Amino acid sequence: RIFGSAQLPGTFVFQGENMTCIVPILGSIILSIILTIVLNVILRAMNK
């Protein structure tokens, strides 16, 4: 498990006989927003 990702809202869990697939949609969106903000701050600091 990755940081309890199966317990976050917006997470889809698909279970088969021999496999479990966890798709953390909301977690991915939040991570994308955070990384975008961090990269923008770094790039703006480098251009000054």
PDB file of N, CA and C in Angstrom:
ATOM      1  N   ARG A   1       0.832  -1.196   0.000  1.00  0.00           N
ATOM      2  CA  ARG A   1       0.000   0.000   0.000  1.00  0.00           C
ATOM      3  C   ARG A   1       0.865   1.244   0.000  1.00  0.00           C
ATOM      4  N   ILE A   2       0.350   2.254  -0.624  1.00  0.00           N
ATOM      5  CA  ILE A   2       1.078   3.512  -0.705  1.00  0.00           C
ATOM      6  C   ILE A   2       0.352   4.542   0.153  1.00  0.00           C
ATOM      7  N   PHE A   3       0.836   4.775   1.367  1.00  0.00           N
ATOM      8  CA  PHE A   3       0.297   5.794   2.266  1.00  0.00           C
ATOM      9  C   PHE A   3      -1.203   5.656   2.499  1.00  0.00           C
ATOM     10  N   GLY A   4      -1.740   4.462   2.546  1.00  0.00           N
ATOM     11  CA  GLY A   4      -3.160   4.260   2.791  1.00  0.00           C
ATOM     12  C   GLY A   4      -4.037   4.801   1.688  1.00  0.00           C
ATOM     13  N   SER A   5      -3.574   4.735   0.453  1.00  0.00           N
ATOM     14  CA  SER A   5      -4.290   5.343  -0.667  1.00  0.00           C
ATOM     15  C   SER A   5      -5.658   4.722  -0.900  1.00  0.00           C
ATOM     16  N   ALA A   6      -5.886   3.517  -0.433  1.00  0.00           N
ATOM     17  CA  ALA A   6      -7.190   2.877  -0.635  1.00  0.00           C
ATOM     18  C   ALA A   6      -8.260   3.492   0.255  1.00  0.00           C
ATOM     19  N   GLN A   7      -7.866   4.292   1.229  1.00  0.00           N
ATOM     20  CA  GLN A   7      -8.823   4.864   2.168  1.00  0.00           C
ATOM     21  C   GLN A   7      -9.199   6.302   1.829  1.00  0.00           C
ATOM     22  N   LEU A   8      -8.600   6.891   0.823  1.00  0.00           N
ATOM     23  CA  LEU A   8      -8.919   8.263   0.442  1.00  0.00           C
ATOM     24  C   LEU A   8     -10.222   8.309  -0.340  1.00  0.00           C
ATOM     25  N   PRO A   9     -10.971   9.409  -0.224  1.00  0.00           N
ATOM     26  CA  PRO A   9     -12.154   9.537  -1.083  1.00  0.00           C
ATOM     27  C   PRO A   9     -11.716   9.696  -2.537  1.00  0.00           C
ATOM     28  N   GLY A  10     -12.532   9.240  -3.452  1.00  0.00           N
ATOM     29  CA  GLY A  10     -12.194   9.318  -4.865  1.00  0.00           C
ATOM     30  C   GLY A  10     -11.269   8.219  -5.328  1.00  0.00           C
ATOM     31  N   THR A  11     -11.143   7.163  -4.533  1.00  0.00           N
ATOM     32  CA  THR A  11     -10.287   6.038  -4.885  1.00  0.00           C
ATOM     33  C   THR A  11     -11.150   4.869  -5.323  1.00  0.00           C
ATOM     34  N   PHE A  12     -10.823   4.319  -6.475  1.00  0.00           N
ATOM     35  CA  PHE A  12     -11.540   3.149  -6.972  1.00  0.00           C
ATOM     36  C   PHE A  12     -10.693   1.910  -6.730  1.00  0.00           C
ATOM     37  N   VAL A  13     -11.311   0.879  -6.172  1.00  0.00           N
ATOM     38  CA  VAL A  13     -10.621  -0.378  -5.905  1.00  0.00           C
ATOM     39  C   VAL A  13     -11.308  -1.474  -6.700  1.00  0.00           C
ATOM     40  N   PHE A  14     -10.534  -2.131  -7.553  1.00  0.00           N
ATOM     41  CA  PHE A  14     -11.041  -3.247  -8.343  1.00  0.00           C
ATOM     42  C   PHE A  14     -10.370  -4.516  -7.839  1.00  0.00           C
ATOM     43  N   GLN A  15     -11.168  -5.488  -7.415  1.00  0.00           N
ATOM     44  CA  GLN A  15     -10.613  -6.727  -6.892  1.00  0.00           C
ATOM     45  C   GLN A  15     -11.042  -7.899  -7.754  1.00  0.00           C
ATOM     46  N   GLY A  16     -10.058  -8.688  -8.135  1.00  0.00           N
ATOM     47  CA  GLY A  16     -10.312  -9.925  -8.854  1.00  0.00           C
ATOM     48  C   GLY A  16      -9.940 -11.097  -7.964  1.00  0.00           C
ATOM     49  N   GLU A  17      -9.875 -12.269  -8.535  1.00  0.00           N
ATOM     50  CA  GLU A  17      -9.523 -13.446  -7.741  1.00  0.00           C
ATOM     51  C   GLU A  17      -8.080 -13.392  -7.262  1.00  0.00           C
ATOM     52  N   ASN A  18      -7.170 -12.993  -8.139  1.00  0.00           N
ATOM     53  CA  ASN A  18      -5.744 -13.002  -7.799  1.00  0.00           C
ATOM     54  C   ASN A  18      -5.104 -11.623  -7.851  1.00  0.00           C
ATOM     55  N   MET A  19      -5.909 -10.571  -7.971  1.00  0.00           N
ATOM     56  CA  MET A  19      -5.342  -9.253  -8.190  1.00  0.00           C
ATOM     57  C   MET A  19      -6.225  -8.172  -7.575  1.00  0.00           C
ATOM     58  N   THR A  20      -5.589  -7.125  -7.060  1.00  0.00           N
ATOM     59  CA  THR A  20      -6.295  -5.937  -6.594  1.00  0.00           C
ATOM     60  C   THR A  20      -5.669  -4.727  -7.271  1.00  0.00           C
ATOM     61  N   CYS A  21      -6.496  -3.886  -7.873  1.00  0.00           N
ATOM     62  CA  CYS A  21      -6.023  -2.682  -8.556  1.00  0.00           C
ATOM     63  C   CYS A  21      -6.636  -1.468  -7.857  1.00  0.00           C
ATOM     64  N   ILE A  22      -5.776  -0.564  -7.377  1.00  0.00           N
ATOM     65  CA  ILE A  22      -6.227   0.641  -6.684  1.00  0.00           C
ATOM     66  C   ILE A  22      -5.917   1.845  -7.572  1.00  0.00           C
ATOM     67  N   VAL A  23      -6.942   2.649  -7.883  1.00  0.00           N
ATOM     68  CA  VAL A  23      -6.780   3.826  -8.734  1.00  0.00           C
ATOM     69  C   VAL A  23      -7.161   5.060  -7.918  1.00  0.00           C
ATOM     70  N   PRO A  24      -6.161   5.787  -7.370  1.00  0.00           N
ATOM     71  CA  PRO A  24      -6.441   6.968  -6.548  1.00  0.00           C
ATOM     72  C   PRO A  24      -6.603   8.228  -7.402  1.00  0.00           C
ATOM     73  N   ILE A  25      -7.801   8.454  -7.918  1.00  0.00           N
ATOM     74  CA  ILE A  25      -8.034   9.584  -8.827  1.00  0.00           C
ATOM     75  C   ILE A  25      -7.874  10.922  -8.102  1.00  0.00           C
ATOM     76  N   LEU A  26      -8.530  11.096  -6.967  1.00  0.00           N
ATOM     77  CA  LEU A  26      -8.436  12.362  -6.236  1.00  0.00           C
ATOM     78  C   LEU A  26      -7.008  12.613  -5.758  1.00  0.00           C
ATOM     79  N   GLY A  27      -6.343  11.578  -5.284  1.00  0.00           N
ATOM     80  CA  GLY A  27      -4.952  11.722  -4.849  1.00  0.00           C
ATOM     81  C   GLY A  27      -4.038  12.146  -5.986  1.00  0.00           C
ATOM     82  N   SER A  28      -4.283  11.625  -7.177  1.00  0.00           N
ATOM     83  CA  SER A  28      -3.483  11.994  -8.348  1.00  0.00           C
ATOM     84  C   SER A  28      -3.702  13.450  -8.733  1.00  0.00           C
ATOM     85  N   ILE A  29      -4.941  13.907  -8.647  1.00  0.00           N
ATOM     86  CA  ILE A  29      -5.241  15.305  -8.973  1.00  0.00           C
ATOM     87  C   ILE A  29      -4.575  16.243  -7.972  1.00  0.00           C
ATOM     88  N   ILE A  30      -4.655  15.916  -6.696  1.00  0.00           N
ATOM     89  CA  ILE A  30      -4.031  16.751  -5.663  1.00  0.00           C
ATOM     90  C   ILE A  30      -2.519  16.783  -5.843  1.00  0.00           C
ATOM     91  N   LEU A  31      -1.903  15.625  -6.103  1.00  0.00           N
ATOM     92  CA  LEU A  31      -0.464  15.564  -6.324  1.00  0.00           C
ATOM     93  C   LEU A  31      -0.059  16.385  -7.545  1.00  0.00           C
ATOM     94  N   SER A  32      -0.843  16.340  -8.594  1.00  0.00           N
ATOM     95  CA  SER A  32      -0.563  17.109  -9.806  1.00  0.00           C
ATOM     96  C   SER A  32      -0.611  18.609  -9.534  1.00  0.00           C
ATOM     97  N   ILE A  33      -1.601  19.053  -8.778  1.00  0.00           N
ATOM     98  CA  ILE A  33      -1.720  20.481  -8.444  1.00  0.00           C
ATOM     99  C   ILE A  33      -0.530  20.935  -7.610  1.00  0.00           C
ATOM    100  N   ILE A  34      -0.151  20.141  -6.615  1.00  0.00           N
ATOM    101  CA  ILE A  34       0.979  20.501  -5.750  1.00  0.00           C
ATOM    102  C   ILE A  34       2.273  20.578  -6.555  1.00  0.00           C
ATOM    103  N   LEU A  35       2.519  19.585  -7.410  1.00  0.00           N
ATOM    104  CA  LEU A  35       3.739  19.594  -8.220  1.00  0.00           C
ATOM    105  C   LEU A  35       3.761  20.760  -9.204  1.00  0.00           C
ATOM    106  N   THR A  36       2.614  21.115  -9.758  1.00  0.00           N
ATOM    107  CA  THR A  36       2.541  22.253 -10.672  1.00  0.00           C
ATOM    108  C   THR A  36       2.902  23.546  -9.955  1.00  0.00           C
ATOM    109  N   ILE A  37       2.377  23.737  -8.763  1.00  0.00           N
ATOM    110  CA  ILE A  37       2.682  24.946  -7.987  1.00  0.00           C
ATOM    111  C   ILE A  37       4.161  25.000  -7.632  1.00  0.00           C
ATOM    112  N   VAL A  38       4.715  23.885  -7.167  1.00  0.00           N
ATOM    113  CA  VAL A  38       6.129  23.847  -6.777  1.00  0.00           C
ATOM    114  C   VAL A  38       7.032  24.132  -7.981  1.00  0.00           C
ATOM    115  N   LEU A  39       6.754  23.500  -9.109  1.00  0.00           N
ATOM    116  CA  LEU A  39       7.578  23.737 -10.299  1.00  0.00           C
ATOM    117  C   LEU A  39       7.462  25.171 -10.800  1.00  0.00           C
ATOM    118  N   ASN A  40       6.281  25.762 -10.732  1.00  0.00           N
ATOM    119  CA  ASN A  40       6.119  27.164 -11.134  1.00  0.00           C
ATOM    120  C   ASN A  40       6.914  28.098 -10.237  1.00  0.00           C
ATOM    121  N   VAL A  41       6.907  27.842  -8.941  1.00  0.00           N
ATOM    122  CA  VAL A  41       7.673  28.673  -8.008  1.00  0.00           C
ATOM    123  C   VAL A  41       9.166  28.546  -8.297  1.00  0.00           C
ATOM    124  N   ILE A  42       9.637  27.332  -8.539  1.00  0.00           N
ATOM    125  CA  ILE A  42      11.060  27.121  -8.831  1.00  0.00           C
ATOM    126  C   ILE A  42      11.455  27.813 -10.135  1.00  0.00           C
ATOM    127  N   LEU A  43      10.651  27.656 -11.173  1.00  0.00           N
ATOM    128  CA  LEU A  43      10.984  28.272 -12.461  1.00  0.00           C
ATOM    129  C   LEU A  43      10.941  29.791 -12.400  1.00  0.00           C
ATOM    130  N   ARG A  44      10.004  30.351 -11.658  1.00  0.00           N
ATOM    131  CA  ARG A  44       9.954  31.816 -11.517  1.00  0.00           C
ATOM    132  C   ARG A  44      11.156  32.325 -10.735  1.00  0.00           C
ATOM    133  N   ALA A  45      11.605  31.565  -9.731  1.00  0.00           N
ATOM    134  CA  ALA A  45      12.773  31.969  -8.948  1.00  0.00           C
ATOM    135  C   ALA A  45      14.042  31.918  -9.801  1.00  0.00           C
ATOM    136  N   MET A  46      14.109  30.979 -10.731  1.00  0.00           N
ATOM    137  CA  MET A  46      15.290  30.862 -11.592  1.00  0.00           C
ATOM    138  C   MET A  46      15.339  31.964 -12.645  1.00  0.00           C
ATOM    139  N   ASN A  47      14.196  32.494 -13.045  1.00  0.00           N
ATOM    140  CA  ASN A  47      14.154  33.531 -14.079  1.00  0.00           C
ATOM    141  C   ASN A  47      14.453  34.921 -13.545  1.00  0.00           C
ATOM    142  N   LYS A  48      14.445  35.113 -12.252  1.00  0.00           N
ATOM    143  CA  LYS A  48      14.689  36.448 -11.682  1.00  0.00           C
ATOM    144  C   LYS A  48      16.151  36.740 -11.558  1.00  0.00           C
TER     145      LYS A  48
END
